[in-house]
Amino acid sequence: MATERLTVSLAPELRHWIESAIKSGGYSSASDFVATLVRNHRRSEQLDHLLAEGLGSGSGITPDENYWADKKAALVKKVS
């Protein structure tokens, strides 16, 4: 994947925190650390969107034993 340079100014305590994360072996560089933060933020936004979509999809149901039995039967039928 192509990369682009981005200059970021951070407070010293944040820079030390990133350096500590790198030294602990969790990240290979500050770029790796920031890229992970960006990916996680993007996933969080996607999850928020899916949750909002689910909440707006109508009233929910309370699954009972019949609900789960029907789901299991449908899966068994699908893989058979």
N, C-alpha and C. Protein backbone atom coordinates (compact mmCIF):
# COMPACT_ATOMS: atom_id res chain seq x y z
N MET A 1 0.84 -1.17 0.00
CA MET A 1 0.00 0.00 0.00
C MET A 1 0.89 1.24 0.00
N ALA A 2 0.54 2.21 -0.83
CA ALA A 2 1.30 3.45 -0.88
C ALA A 2 1.10 4.24 0.42
N THR A 3 2.12 4.96 0.80
CA THR A 3 2.02 5.76 2.02
C THR A 3 2.32 7.22 1.70
N GLU A 4 1.83 8.08 2.54
CA GLU A 4 2.10 9.51 2.45
C GLU A 4 2.60 10.00 3.79
N ARG A 5 3.47 10.98 3.76
CA ARG A 5 4.01 11.54 4.99
C ARG A 5 3.01 12.52 5.58
N LEU A 6 2.85 12.46 6.89
CA LEU A 6 1.96 13.36 7.62
C LEU A 6 2.70 13.79 8.87
N THR A 7 2.82 15.08 9.06
CA THR A 7 3.50 15.60 10.24
C THR A 7 2.45 15.92 11.30
N VAL A 8 2.69 15.44 12.51
CA VAL A 8 1.74 15.63 13.61
C VAL A 8 2.50 16.20 14.80
N SER A 9 1.92 17.20 15.43
CA SER A 9 2.51 17.77 16.64
C SER A 9 1.77 17.20 17.84
N LEU A 10 2.53 16.72 18.82
CA LEU A 10 1.94 16.11 20.02
C LEU A 10 2.55 16.73 21.27
N ALA A 11 1.77 16.73 22.32
CA ALA A 11 2.29 17.12 23.62
C ALA A 11 3.34 16.08 24.03
N PRO A 12 4.35 16.49 24.77
CA PRO A 12 5.41 15.57 25.16
C PRO A 12 4.90 14.30 25.84
N GLU A 13 3.88 14.42 26.71
CA GLU A 13 3.39 13.22 27.40
C GLU A 13 2.77 12.21 26.43
N LEU A 14 2.15 12.71 25.35
CA LEU A 14 1.59 11.80 24.35
C LEU A 14 2.71 11.12 23.56
N ARG A 15 3.73 11.87 23.21
CA ARG A 15 4.88 11.30 22.50
C ARG A 15 5.55 10.23 23.36
N HIS A 16 5.71 10.47 24.64
CA HIS A 16 6.31 9.49 25.54
C HIS A 16 5.43 8.24 25.64
N TRP A 17 4.13 8.45 25.63
CA TRP A 17 3.20 7.32 25.70
C TRP A 17 3.35 6.45 24.46
N ILE A 18 3.47 7.07 23.29
CA ILE A 18 3.66 6.32 22.05
C ILE A 18 4.99 5.58 22.09
N GLU A 19 6.03 6.25 22.52
CA GLU A 19 7.35 5.61 22.61
C GLU A 19 7.32 4.41 23.57
N SER A 20 6.59 4.55 24.65
CA SER A 20 6.45 3.44 25.61
C SER A 20 5.74 2.26 24.96
N ALA A 21 4.71 2.53 24.18
CA ALA A 21 3.97 1.46 23.49
C ALA A 21 4.87 0.76 22.49
N ILE A 22 5.73 1.50 21.82
CA ILE A 22 6.66 0.91 20.85
C ILE A 22 7.68 0.04 21.58
N LYS A 23 8.23 0.55 22.68
CA LYS A 23 9.23 -0.20 23.45
C LYS A 23 8.66 -1.48 24.04
N SER A 24 7.38 -1.46 24.37
CA SER A 24 6.78 -2.66 24.96
C SER A 24 6.55 -3.75 23.92
N GLY A 25 6.81 -3.43 22.66
CA GLY A 25 6.71 -4.44 21.62
C GLY A 25 5.38 -4.50 20.91
N GLY A 26 4.48 -3.61 21.25
CA GLY A 26 3.17 -3.66 20.62
C GLY A 26 3.15 -3.06 19.22
N TYR A 27 4.12 -2.19 18.92
CA TYR A 27 4.13 -1.50 17.64
C TYR A 27 5.57 -1.40 17.15
N SER A 28 5.74 -1.36 15.83
CA SER A 28 7.09 -1.29 15.28
C SER A 28 7.60 0.14 15.16
N SER A 29 6.67 1.11 15.14
CA SER A 29 7.06 2.51 14.97
C SER A 29 5.89 3.41 15.37
N ALA A 30 6.16 4.71 15.42
CA ALA A 30 5.09 5.67 15.69
C ALA A 30 4.07 5.62 14.55
N SER A 31 4.52 5.42 13.33
CA SER A 31 3.60 5.32 12.19
C SER A 31 2.67 4.13 12.35
N ASP A 32 3.22 3.00 12.80
CA ASP A 32 2.41 1.80 13.03
C ASP A 32 1.37 2.07 14.12
N PHE A 33 1.78 2.75 15.17
CA PHE A 33 0.88 3.09 16.27
C PHE A 33 -0.27 3.96 15.79
N VAL A 34 0.05 5.03 15.06
CA VAL A 34 -0.97 5.96 14.57
C VAL A 34 -1.89 5.27 13.56
N ALA A 35 -1.32 4.46 12.68
CA ALA A 35 -2.14 3.73 11.70
C ALA A 35 -3.13 2.81 12.41
N THR A 36 -2.69 2.17 13.48
CA THR A 36 -3.59 1.30 14.26
C THR A 36 -4.71 2.12 14.89
N LEU A 37 -4.38 3.28 15.43
CA LEU A 37 -5.41 4.16 16.00
C LEU A 37 -6.44 4.56 14.94
N VAL A 38 -5.98 4.90 13.76
CA VAL A 38 -6.88 5.32 12.68
C VAL A 38 -7.78 4.15 12.26
N ARG A 39 -7.19 2.96 12.09
CA ARG A 39 -8.00 1.78 11.73
C ARG A 39 -9.04 1.49 12.79
N ASN A 40 -8.65 1.55 14.06
CA ASN A 40 -9.60 1.28 15.14
C ASN A 40 -10.72 2.33 15.18
N HIS A 41 -10.38 3.57 14.93
CA HIS A 41 -11.39 4.63 14.89
C HIS A 41 -12.37 4.38 13.75
N ARG A 42 -11.84 3.98 12.61
CA ARG A 42 -12.71 3.69 11.45
C ARG A 42 -13.65 2.53 11.75
N ARG A 43 -13.14 1.48 12.37
CA ARG A 43 -13.99 0.34 12.77
C ARG A 43 -15.05 0.77 13.76
N SER A 44 -14.68 1.65 14.68
CA SER A 44 -15.62 2.16 15.68
C SER A 44 -16.76 2.93 15.01
N GLU A 45 -16.41 3.76 14.02
CA GLU A 45 -17.44 4.50 13.30
C GLU A 45 -18.35 3.56 12.53
N GLN A 46 -17.78 2.50 11.92
CA GLN A 46 -18.59 1.53 11.20
C GLN A 46 -19.53 0.81 12.15
N LEU A 47 -19.03 0.44 13.31
CA LEU A 47 -19.86 -0.22 14.31
C LEU A 47 -20.98 0.69 14.79
N ASP A 48 -20.65 1.96 15.04
CA ASP A 48 -21.67 2.93 15.45
C ASP A 48 -22.77 3.02 14.39
N HIS A 49 -22.37 3.04 13.12
CA HIS A 49 -23.35 3.11 12.03
C HIS A 49 -24.24 1.87 12.03
N LEU A 50 -23.64 0.69 12.18
CA LEU A 50 -24.42 -0.55 12.19
C LEU A 50 -25.37 -0.60 13.39
N LEU A 51 -24.90 -0.14 14.55
CA LEU A 51 -25.75 -0.13 15.73
C LEU A 51 -26.93 0.83 15.54
N ALA A 52 -26.67 2.00 14.99
CA ALA A 52 -27.75 2.96 14.73
C ALA A 52 -28.73 2.40 13.73
N GLU A 53 -28.22 1.71 12.72
CA GLU A 53 -29.08 1.09 11.72
C GLU A 53 -29.96 0.02 12.37
N GLY A 54 -29.38 -0.77 13.25
CA GLY A 54 -30.15 -1.80 13.94
C GLY A 54 -31.21 -1.21 14.85
N LEU A 55 -30.85 -0.16 15.57
CA LEU A 55 -31.82 0.49 16.45
C LEU A 55 -32.97 1.11 15.67
N GLY A 56 -32.69 1.56 14.46
CA GLY A 56 -33.72 2.17 13.66
C GLY A 56 -34.51 1.20 12.80
N SER A 57 -34.22 -0.09 12.93
CA SER A 57 -34.84 -1.07 12.04
C SER A 57 -36.21 -1.55 12.51
N GLY A 58 -36.67 -1.04 13.62
CA GLY A 58 -37.99 -1.44 14.10
C GLY A 58 -37.91 -2.04 15.49
N SER A 59 -39.05 -2.50 15.95
CA SER A 59 -39.08 -3.06 17.30
C SER A 59 -38.38 -4.42 17.33
N GLY A 60 -37.81 -4.71 18.44
CA GLY A 60 -37.09 -5.96 18.61
C GLY A 60 -38.00 -7.09 19.04
N ILE A 61 -37.40 -8.26 19.12
CA ILE A 61 -38.14 -9.43 19.59
C ILE A 61 -37.37 -10.03 20.76
N THR A 62 -38.07 -10.78 21.57
CA THR A 62 -37.42 -11.54 22.63
C THR A 62 -37.40 -13.00 22.18
N PRO A 63 -36.22 -13.49 21.81
CA PRO A 63 -36.16 -14.87 21.31
C PRO A 63 -36.49 -15.88 22.40
N ASP A 64 -37.29 -16.85 22.04
CA ASP A 64 -37.63 -17.92 22.96
C ASP A 64 -37.07 -19.23 22.41
N GLU A 65 -37.41 -20.35 23.02
CA GLU A 65 -36.88 -21.64 22.58
C GLU A 65 -37.28 -21.95 21.14
N ASN A 66 -38.49 -21.60 20.75
CA ASN A 66 -38.94 -21.86 19.38
C ASN A 66 -38.13 -21.06 18.37
N TYR A 67 -37.81 -19.82 18.72
CA TYR A 67 -37.01 -18.97 17.83
C TYR A 67 -35.67 -19.64 17.55
N TRP A 68 -34.99 -20.08 18.62
CA TRP A 68 -33.67 -20.70 18.45
C TRP A 68 -33.76 -22.05 17.76
N ALA A 69 -34.80 -22.80 18.01
CA ALA A 69 -35.00 -24.09 17.33
C ALA A 69 -35.19 -23.86 15.84
N ASP A 70 -35.96 -22.84 15.47
CA ASP A 70 -36.16 -22.52 14.06
C ASP A 70 -34.85 -22.09 13.40
N LYS A 71 -34.07 -21.27 14.10
CA LYS A 71 -32.77 -20.83 13.56
C LYS A 71 -31.84 -22.02 13.34
N LYS A 72 -31.80 -22.93 14.32
CA LYS A 72 -30.94 -24.10 14.21
C LYS A 72 -31.39 -24.98 13.07
N ALA A 73 -32.69 -25.18 12.90
CA ALA A 73 -33.21 -26.01 11.81
C ALA A 73 -32.85 -25.38 10.44
N ALA A 74 -32.95 -24.06 10.35
CA ALA A 74 -32.63 -23.40 9.10
C ALA A 74 -31.14 -23.55 8.76
N LEU A 75 -30.28 -23.46 9.78
CA LEU A 75 -28.85 -23.64 9.54
C LEU A 75 -28.52 -25.07 9.14
N VAL A 76 -29.14 -26.02 9.80
CA VAL A 76 -28.92 -27.44 9.46
C VAL A 76 -29.35 -27.70 8.01
N LYS A 77 -30.50 -27.14 7.64
CA LYS A 77 -31.00 -27.30 6.28
C LYS A 77 -30.05 -26.66 5.27
N LYS A 78 -29.50 -25.50 5.64
CA LYS A 78 -28.60 -24.76 4.74
C LYS A 78 -27.30 -25.52 4.48
N VAL A 79 -26.75 -26.18 5.49
CA VAL A 79 -25.47 -26.89 5.33
C VAL A 79 -25.65 -28.33 4.82
N SER A 80 -26.86 -28.80 4.84
CA SER A 80 -27.12 -30.19 4.37
C SER A 80 -27.22 -30.26 2.87
